[in-house]
Amino acid sequence: MLKYHLFWREVLDQVELLWVVTIPVTFVLKGVMDWATQGQYFWWHYIQLFADVTLGSAVCFTLTTALSHWYRHAHPKQK
């Protein structure tokens, strides 16, 4: 049970990092989209963009963490 608790704690730590990275990136993308389209995007598009980036990154972080834990469990270090 402790292994699973540590796994989810590591995932949540990475998701916190994800928020720190994706919030500024989303606002930069918003600025670029506004500049390129002369402000023709509605606010709803930015919410969808932020949700897509956050959800996609969270899934990616969760899968890579799960694979990392599986690999460490399946291939313990040899002495």
PDB file of N, CA and C in Angstrom:
ATOM      1  N   MET A   1       0.824  -1.198   0.000  1.00  0.00           N
ATOM      2  CA  MET A   1       0.000   0.000   0.000  1.00  0.00           C
ATOM      3  C   MET A   1       0.865   1.256   0.000  1.00  0.00           C
ATOM      4  N   LEU A   2       1.992   1.178   0.685  1.00  0.00           N
ATOM      5  CA  LEU A   2       2.888   2.331   0.751  1.00  0.00           C
ATOM      6  C   LEU A   2       3.445   2.669  -0.622  1.00  0.00           C
ATOM      7  N   LYS A   3       3.688   1.635  -1.457  1.00  0.00           N
ATOM      8  CA  LYS A   3       4.187   1.886  -2.814  1.00  0.00           C
ATOM      9  C   LYS A   3       3.198   2.734  -3.605  1.00  0.00           C
ATOM     10  N   TYR A   4       1.914   2.420  -3.490  1.00  0.00           N
ATOM     11  CA  TYR A   4       0.901   3.171  -4.233  1.00  0.00           C
ATOM     12  C   TYR A   4       0.770   4.597  -3.714  1.00  0.00           C
ATOM     13  N   HIS A   5       0.890   4.745  -2.387  1.00  0.00           N
ATOM     14  CA  HIS A   5       0.838   6.086  -1.805  1.00  0.00           C
ATOM     15  C   HIS A   5       2.003   6.926  -2.319  1.00  0.00           C
ATOM     16  N   LEU A   6       3.190   6.344  -2.349  1.00  0.00           N
ATOM     17  CA  LEU A   6       4.358   7.068  -2.861  1.00  0.00           C
ATOM     18  C   LEU A   6       4.217   7.371  -4.344  1.00  0.00           C
ATOM     19  N   PHE A   7       3.636   6.441  -5.086  1.00  0.00           N
ATOM     20  CA  PHE A   7       3.415   6.669  -6.516  1.00  0.00           C
ATOM     21  C   PHE A   7       2.522   7.885  -6.732  1.00  0.00           C
ATOM     22  N   TRP A   8       1.380   7.931  -6.046  1.00  0.00           N
ATOM     23  CA  TRP A   8       0.452   9.050  -6.251  1.00  0.00           C
ATOM     24  C   TRP A   8       1.014  10.352  -5.715  1.00  0.00           C
ATOM     25  N   ARG A   9       1.826  10.260  -4.667  1.00  0.00           N
ATOM     26  CA  ARG A   9       2.468  11.482  -4.160  1.00  0.00           C
ATOM     27  C   ARG A   9       3.437  12.040  -5.200  1.00  0.00           C
ATOM     28  N   GLU A  10       4.182  11.156  -5.846  1.00  0.00           N
ATOM     29  CA  GLU A  10       5.097  11.593  -6.898  1.00  0.00           C
ATOM     30  C   GLU A  10       4.326  12.176  -8.084  1.00  0.00           C
ATOM     31  N   VAL A  11       3.212  11.563  -8.443  1.00  0.00           N
ATOM     32  CA  VAL A  11       2.389  12.093  -9.538  1.00  0.00           C
ATOM     33  C   VAL A  11       1.880  13.484  -9.184  1.00  0.00           C
ATOM     34  N   LEU A  12       1.379  13.657  -7.970  1.00  0.00           N
ATOM     35  CA  LEU A  12       0.864  14.968  -7.568  1.00  0.00           C
ATOM     36  C   LEU A  12       1.961  16.018  -7.532  1.00  0.00           C
ATOM     37  N   ASP A  13       3.172  15.636  -7.113  1.00  0.00           N
ATOM     38  CA  ASP A  13       4.290  16.580  -7.154  1.00  0.00           C
ATOM     39  C   ASP A  13       4.574  17.009  -8.584  1.00  0.00           C
ATOM     40  N   GLN A  14       4.502  16.080  -9.513  1.00  0.00           N
ATOM     41  CA  GLN A  14       4.745  16.421 -10.910  1.00  0.00           C
ATOM     42  C   GLN A  14       3.611  17.259 -11.482  1.00  0.00           C
ATOM     43  N   VAL A  15       2.384  17.017 -11.042  1.00  0.00           N
ATOM     44  CA  VAL A  15       1.262  17.818 -11.522  1.00  0.00           C
ATOM     45  C   VAL A  15       1.375  19.247 -11.003  1.00  0.00           C
ATOM     46  N   GLU A  16       1.895  19.421  -9.775  1.00  0.00           N
ATOM     47  CA  GLU A  16       2.140  20.775  -9.279  1.00  0.00           C
ATOM     48  C   GLU A  16       3.150  21.484 -10.170  1.00  0.00           C
ATOM     49  N   LEU A  17       4.192  20.782 -10.559  1.00  0.00           N
ATOM     50  CA  LEU A  17       5.167  21.350 -11.491  1.00  0.00           C
ATOM     51  C   LEU A  17       4.490  21.659 -12.818  1.00  0.00           C
ATOM     52  N   LEU A  18       3.612  20.785 -13.231  1.00  0.00           N
ATOM     53  CA  LEU A  18       2.858  20.991 -14.467  1.00  0.00           C
ATOM     54  C   LEU A  18       2.091  22.305 -14.428  1.00  0.00           C
ATOM     55  N   TRP A  19       1.422  22.594 -13.312  1.00  0.00           N
ATOM     56  CA  TRP A  19       0.670  23.845 -13.203  1.00  0.00           C
ATOM     57  C   TRP A  19       1.590  25.051 -13.299  1.00  0.00           C
ATOM     58  N   VAL A  20       2.764  24.951 -12.674  1.00  0.00           N
ATOM     59  CA  VAL A  20       3.715  26.068 -12.707  1.00  0.00           C
ATOM     60  C   VAL A  20       4.182  26.330 -14.132  1.00  0.00           C
ATOM     61  N   VAL A  21       4.279  25.286 -14.939  1.00  0.00           N
ATOM     62  CA  VAL A  21       4.746  25.435 -16.317  1.00  0.00           C
ATOM     63  C   VAL A  21       3.604  25.805 -17.265  1.00  0.00           C
ATOM     64  N   THR A  22       2.469  25.148 -17.146  1.00  0.00           N
ATOM     65  CA  THR A  22       1.414  25.338 -18.153  1.00  0.00           C
ATOM     66  C   THR A  22       0.669  26.659 -18.038  1.00  0.00           C
ATOM     67  N   ILE A  23       0.570  27.215 -16.851  1.00  0.00           N
ATOM     68  CA  ILE A  23      -0.140  28.490 -16.730  1.00  0.00           C
ATOM     69  C   ILE A  23       0.570  29.583 -17.524  1.00  0.00           C
ATOM     70  N   PRO A  24       1.884  29.800 -17.337  1.00  0.00           N
ATOM     71  CA  PRO A  24       2.540  30.823 -18.170  1.00  0.00           C
ATOM     72  C   PRO A  24       2.541  30.476 -19.655  1.00  0.00           C
ATOM     73  N   VAL A  25       2.715  29.198 -19.989  1.00  0.00           N
ATOM     74  CA  VAL A  25       2.729  28.797 -21.402  1.00  0.00           C
ATOM     75  C   VAL A  25       1.375  29.095 -22.040  1.00  0.00           C
ATOM     76  N   THR A  26       0.295  28.838 -21.323  1.00  0.00           N
ATOM     77  CA  THR A  26      -1.036  29.116 -21.859  1.00  0.00           C
ATOM     78  C   THR A  26      -1.227  30.606 -22.116  1.00  0.00           C
ATOM     79  N   PHE A  27      -0.754  31.440 -21.197  1.00  0.00           N
ATOM     80  CA  PHE A  27      -0.896  32.882 -21.406  1.00  0.00           C
ATOM     81  C   PHE A  27      -0.027  33.373 -22.556  1.00  0.00           C
ATOM     82  N   VAL A  28       1.143  32.770 -22.734  1.00  0.00           N
ATOM     83  CA  VAL A  28       1.977  33.122 -23.892  1.00  0.00           C
ATOM     84  C   VAL A  28       1.264  32.712 -25.179  1.00  0.00           C
ATOM     85  N   LEU A  29       0.711  31.498 -25.209  1.00  0.00           N
ATOM     86  CA  LEU A  29      -0.048  31.062 -26.386  1.00  0.00           C
ATOM     87  C   LEU A  29      -1.248  31.975 -26.639  1.00  0.00           C
ATOM     88  N   LYS A  30      -1.902  32.409 -25.571  1.00  0.00           N
ATOM     89  CA  LYS A  30      -3.032  33.336 -25.711  1.00  0.00           C
ATOM     90  C   LYS A  30      -2.565  34.633 -26.367  1.00  0.00           C
ATOM     91  N   GLY A  31      -1.430  35.147 -25.917  1.00  0.00           N
ATOM     92  CA  GLY A  31      -0.901  36.373 -26.509  1.00  0.00           C
ATOM     93  C   GLY A  31      -0.554  36.203 -27.974  1.00  0.00           C
ATOM     94  N   VAL A  32       0.060  35.076 -28.311  1.00  0.00           N
ATOM     95  CA  VAL A  32       0.418  34.810 -29.710  1.00  0.00           C
ATOM     96  C   VAL A  32      -0.842  34.674 -30.559  1.00  0.00           C
ATOM     97  N   MET A  33      -1.848  33.966 -30.039  1.00  0.00           N
ATOM     98  CA  MET A  33      -3.090  33.793 -30.791  1.00  0.00           C
ATOM     99  C   MET A  33      -3.801  35.136 -30.973  1.00  0.00           C
ATOM    100  N   ASP A  34      -3.803  35.967 -29.926  1.00  0.00           N
ATOM    101  CA  ASP A  34      -4.409  37.301 -30.050  1.00  0.00           C
ATOM    102  C   ASP A  34      -3.676  38.139 -31.088  1.00  0.00           C
ATOM    103  N   TRP A  35      -2.357  38.087 -31.055  1.00  0.00           N
ATOM    104  CA  TRP A  35      -1.555  38.868 -31.994  1.00  0.00           C
ATOM    105  C   TRP A  35      -1.774  38.386 -33.431  1.00  0.00           C
ATOM    106  N   ALA A  36      -1.802  37.061 -33.617  1.00  0.00           N
ATOM    107  CA  ALA A  36      -1.928  36.503 -34.968  1.00  0.00           C
ATOM    108  C   ALA A  36      -3.327  36.709 -35.552  1.00  0.00           C
ATOM    109  N   THR A  37      -4.339  36.712 -34.713  1.00  0.00           N
ATOM    110  CA  THR A  37      -5.717  36.819 -35.217  1.00  0.00           C
ATOM    111  C   THR A  37      -6.340  38.182 -34.945  1.00  0.00           C
ATOM    112  N   GLN A  38      -5.558  39.118 -34.463  1.00  0.00           N
ATOM    113  CA  GLN A  38      -6.048  40.454 -34.084  1.00  0.00           C
ATOM    114  C   GLN A  38      -7.225  40.379 -33.108  1.00  0.00           C
ATOM    115  N   GLY A  39      -7.107  39.482 -32.133  1.00  0.00           N
ATOM    116  CA  GLY A  39      -8.106  39.403 -31.065  1.00  0.00           C
ATOM    117  C   GLY A  39      -9.426  38.774 -31.452  1.00  0.00           C
ATOM    118  N   GLN A  40      -9.434  37.890 -32.421  1.00  0.00           N
ATOM    119  CA  GLN A  40     -10.686  37.288 -32.874  1.00  0.00           C
ATOM    120  C   GLN A  40     -11.096  36.055 -32.067  1.00  0.00           C
ATOM    121  N   TYR A  41     -10.258  35.609 -31.145  1.00  0.00           N
ATOM    122  CA  TYR A  41     -10.607  34.442 -30.338  1.00  0.00           C
ATOM    123  C   TYR A  41     -11.462  34.867 -29.155  1.00  0.00           C
ATOM    124  N   PHE A  42     -12.440  34.050 -28.801  1.00  0.00           N
ATOM    125  CA  PHE A  42     -13.276  34.315 -27.636  1.00  0.00           C
ATOM    126  C   PHE A  42     -12.600  33.735 -26.393  1.00  0.00           C
ATOM    127  N   TRP A  43     -13.003  34.181 -25.235  1.00  0.00           N
ATOM    128  CA  TRP A  43     -12.407  33.719 -23.982  1.00  0.00           C
ATOM    129  C   TRP A  43     -12.596  32.219 -23.796  1.00  0.00           C
ATOM    130  N   TRP A  44     -13.684  31.657 -24.344  1.00  0.00           N
ATOM    131  CA  TRP A  44     -13.938  30.221 -24.192  1.00  0.00           C
ATOM    132  C   TRP A  44     -12.841  29.387 -24.852  1.00  0.00           C
ATOM    133  N   HIS A  45     -12.276  29.868 -25.943  1.00  0.00           N
ATOM    134  CA  HIS A  45     -11.198  29.143 -26.613  1.00  0.00           C
ATOM    135  C   HIS A  45      -9.970  29.039 -25.717  1.00  0.00           C
ATOM    136  N   TYR A  46      -9.710  30.065 -24.930  1.00  0.00           N
ATOM    137  CA  TYR A  46      -8.557  30.030 -24.032  1.00  0.00           C
ATOM    138  C   TYR A  46      -8.774  29.052 -22.888  1.00  0.00           C
ATOM    139  N   ILE A  47     -10.006  28.979 -22.403  1.00  0.00           N
ATOM    140  CA  ILE A  47     -10.304  27.997 -21.358  1.00  0.00           C
ATOM    141  C   ILE A  47     -10.141  26.585 -21.915  1.00  0.00           C
ATOM    142  N   GLN A  48     -10.602  26.348 -23.131  1.00  0.00           N
ATOM    143  CA  GLN A  48     -10.429  25.036 -23.759  1.00  0.00           C
ATOM    144  C   GLN A  48      -8.949  24.730 -23.985  1.00  0.00           C
ATOM    145  N   LEU A  49      -8.191  25.713 -24.425  1.00  0.00           N
ATOM    146  CA  LEU A  49      -6.758  25.527 -24.634  1.00  0.00           C
ATOM    147  C   LEU A  49      -6.071  25.150 -23.330  1.00  0.00           C
ATOM    148  N   PHE A  50      -6.377  25.877 -22.262  1.00  0.00           N
ATOM    149  CA  PHE A  50      -5.772  25.600 -20.963  1.00  0.00           C
ATOM    150  C   PHE A  50      -6.155  24.207 -20.472  1.00  0.00           C
ATOM    151  N   ALA A  51      -7.423  23.837 -20.625  1.00  0.00           N
ATOM    152  CA  ALA A  51      -7.874  22.512 -20.191  1.00  0.00           C
ATOM    153  C   ALA A  51      -7.194  21.410 -21.000  1.00  0.00           C
ATOM    154  N   ASP A  52      -7.083  21.605 -22.298  1.00  0.00           N
ATOM    155  CA  ASP A  52      -6.426  20.602 -23.146  1.00  0.00           C
ATOM    156  C   ASP A  52      -4.964  20.425 -22.768  1.00  0.00           C
ATOM    157  N   VAL A  53      -4.261  21.522 -22.596  1.00  0.00           N
ATOM    158  CA  VAL A  53      -2.835  21.452 -22.251  1.00  0.00           C
ATOM    159  C   VAL A  53      -2.655  20.799 -20.891  1.00  0.00           C
ATOM    160  N   THR A  54      -3.455  21.200 -19.918  1.00  0.00           N
ATOM    161  CA  THR A  54      -3.319  20.668 -18.567  1.00  0.00           C
ATOM    162  C   THR A  54      -3.676  19.190 -18.509  1.00  0.00           C
ATOM    163  N   LEU A  55      -4.789  18.818 -19.103  1.00  0.00           N
ATOM    164  CA  LEU A  55      -5.209  17.418 -19.069  1.00  0.00           C
ATOM    165  C   LEU A  55      -4.224  16.528 -19.820  1.00  0.00           C
ATOM    166  N   GLY A  56      -3.806  16.965 -20.992  1.00  0.00           N
ATOM    167  CA  GLY A  56      -2.845  16.176 -21.758  1.00  0.00           C
ATOM    168  C   GLY A  56      -1.531  15.996 -21.025  1.00  0.00           C
ATOM    169  N   SER A  57      -1.046  17.049 -20.404  1.00  0.00           N
ATOM    170  CA  SER A  57       0.207  16.958 -19.660  1.00  0.00           C
ATOM    171  C   SER A  57       0.052  16.090 -18.420  1.00  0.00           C
ATOM    172  N   ALA A  58      -1.074  16.208 -17.734  1.00  0.00           N
ATOM    173  CA  ALA A  58      -1.300  15.380 -16.547  1.00  0.00           C
ATOM    174  C   ALA A  58      -1.333  13.902 -16.909  1.00  0.00           C
ATOM    175  N   VAL A  59      -1.983  13.566 -18.005  1.00  0.00           N
ATOM    176  CA  VAL A  59      -2.017  12.170 -18.456  1.00  0.00           C
ATOM    177  C   VAL A  59      -0.612  11.700 -18.808  1.00  0.00           C
ATOM    178  N   CYS A  60       0.140  12.536 -19.503  1.00  0.00           N
ATOM    179  CA  CYS A  60       1.506  12.178 -19.881  1.00  0.00           C
ATOM    180  C   CYS A  60       2.378  11.971 -18.645  1.00  0.00           C
ATOM    181  N   PHE A  61       2.304  12.889 -17.674  1.00  0.00           N
ATOM    182  CA  PHE A  61       3.087  12.748 -16.445  1.00  0.00           C
ATOM    183  C   PHE A  61       2.693  11.492 -15.687  1.00  0.00           C
ATOM    184  N   THR A  62       1.404  11.199 -15.608  1.00  0.00           N
ATOM    185  CA  THR A  62       0.950  10.016 -14.886  1.00  0.00           C
ATOM    186  C   THR A  62       1.451   8.746 -15.559  1.00  0.00           C
ATOM    187  N   LEU A  63       1.365   8.682 -16.879  1.00  0.00           N
ATOM    188  CA  LEU A  63       1.835   7.489 -17.589  1.00  0.00           C
ATOM    189  C   LEU A  63       3.343   7.314 -17.464  1.00  0.00           C
ATOM    190  N   THR A  64       4.101   8.393 -17.589  1.00  0.00           N
ATOM    191  CA  THR A  64       5.557   8.258 -17.476  1.00  0.00           C
ATOM    192  C   THR A  64       5.964   7.880 -16.061  1.00  0.00           C
ATOM    193  N   THR A  65       5.265   8.400 -15.056  1.00  0.00           N
ATOM    194  CA  THR A  65       5.567   8.016 -13.677  1.00  0.00           C
ATOM    195  C   THR A  65       5.220   6.554 -13.442  1.00  0.00           C
ATOM    196  N   ALA A  66       4.089   6.105 -13.962  1.00  0.00           N
ATOM    197  CA  ALA A  66       3.705   4.700 -13.812  1.00  0.00           C
ATOM    198  C   ALA A  66       4.715   3.785 -14.496  1.00  0.00           C
ATOM    199  N   LEU A  67       5.151   4.150 -15.694  1.00  0.00           N
ATOM    200  CA  LEU A  67       6.165   3.342 -16.387  1.00  0.00           C
ATOM    201  C   LEU A  67       7.481   3.331 -15.628  1.00  0.00           C
ATOM    202  N   SER A  68       7.852   4.453 -15.064  1.00  0.00           N
ATOM    203  CA  SER A  68       9.085   4.526 -14.291  1.00  0.00           C
ATOM    204  C   SER A  68       9.014   3.618 -13.065  1.00  0.00           C
ATOM    205  N   HIS A  69       7.885   3.659 -12.352  1.00  0.00           N
ATOM    206  CA  HIS A  69       7.720   2.789 -11.182  1.00  0.00           C
ATOM    207  C   HIS A  69       7.697   1.329 -11.596  1.00  0.00           C
ATOM    208  N   TRP A  70       7.025   1.016 -12.676  1.00  0.00           N
ATOM    209  CA  TRP A  70       6.978  -0.370 -13.140  1.00  0.00           C
ATOM    210  C   TRP A  70       8.379  -0.853 -13.497  1.00  0.00           C
ATOM    211  N   TYR A  71       9.151  -0.029 -14.188  1.00  0.00           N
ATOM    212  CA  TYR A  71      10.490  -0.425 -14.600  1.00  0.00           C
ATOM    213  C   TYR A  71      11.385  -0.642 -13.381  1.00  0.00           C
ATOM    214  N   ARG A  72      11.293   0.272 -12.393  1.00  0.00           N
ATOM    215  CA  ARG A  72      12.109   0.111 -11.180  1.00  0.00           C
ATOM    216  C   ARG A  72      11.709  -1.141 -10.413  1.00  0.00           C
ATOM    217  N   HIS A  73      10.418  -1.473 -10.417  1.00  0.00           N
ATOM    218  CA  HIS A  73       9.957  -2.665  -9.713  1.00  0.00           C
ATOM    219  C   HIS A  73      10.345  -3.933 -10.480  1.00  0.00           C
ATOM    220  N   ALA A  74      10.264  -3.895 -11.797  1.00  0.00           N
ATOM    221  CA  ALA A  74      10.541  -5.081 -12.613  1.00  0.00           C
ATOM    222  C   ALA A  74      12.035  -5.343 -12.761  1.00  0.00           C
ATOM    223  N   HIS A  75      12.846  -4.301 -12.676  1.00  0.00           N
ATOM    224  CA  HIS A  75      14.292  -4.440 -12.856  1.00  0.00           C
ATOM    225  C   HIS A  75      15.036  -3.841 -11.669  1.00  0.00           C
ATOM    226  N   PRO A  76      15.047  -4.562 -10.529  1.00  0.00           N
ATOM    227  CA  PRO A  76      15.767  -4.017  -9.372  1.00  0.00           C
ATOM    228  C   PRO A  76      17.272  -3.971  -9.656  1.00  0.00           C
ATOM    229  N   LYS A  77      17.940  -3.056  -8.975  1.00  0.00           N
ATOM    230  CA  LYS A  77      19.391  -2.922  -9.178  1.00  0.00           C
ATOM    231  C   LYS A  77      20.107  -4.165  -8.665  1.00  0.00           C
ATOM    232  N   GLN A  78      21.057  -4.630  -9.458  1.00  0.00           N
ATOM    233  CA  GLN A  78      21.866  -5.789  -9.083  1.00  0.00           C
ATOM    234  C   GLN A  78      23.110  -5.312  -8.347  1.00  0.00           C
ATOM    235  N   LYS A  79      23.512  -6.069  -7.329  1.00  0.00           N
ATOM    236  CA  LYS A  79      24.741  -5.711  -6.601  1.00  0.00           C
ATOM    237  C   LYS A  79      25.924  -6.413  -7.182  1.00  0.00           C
TER     238      LYS A  79
END
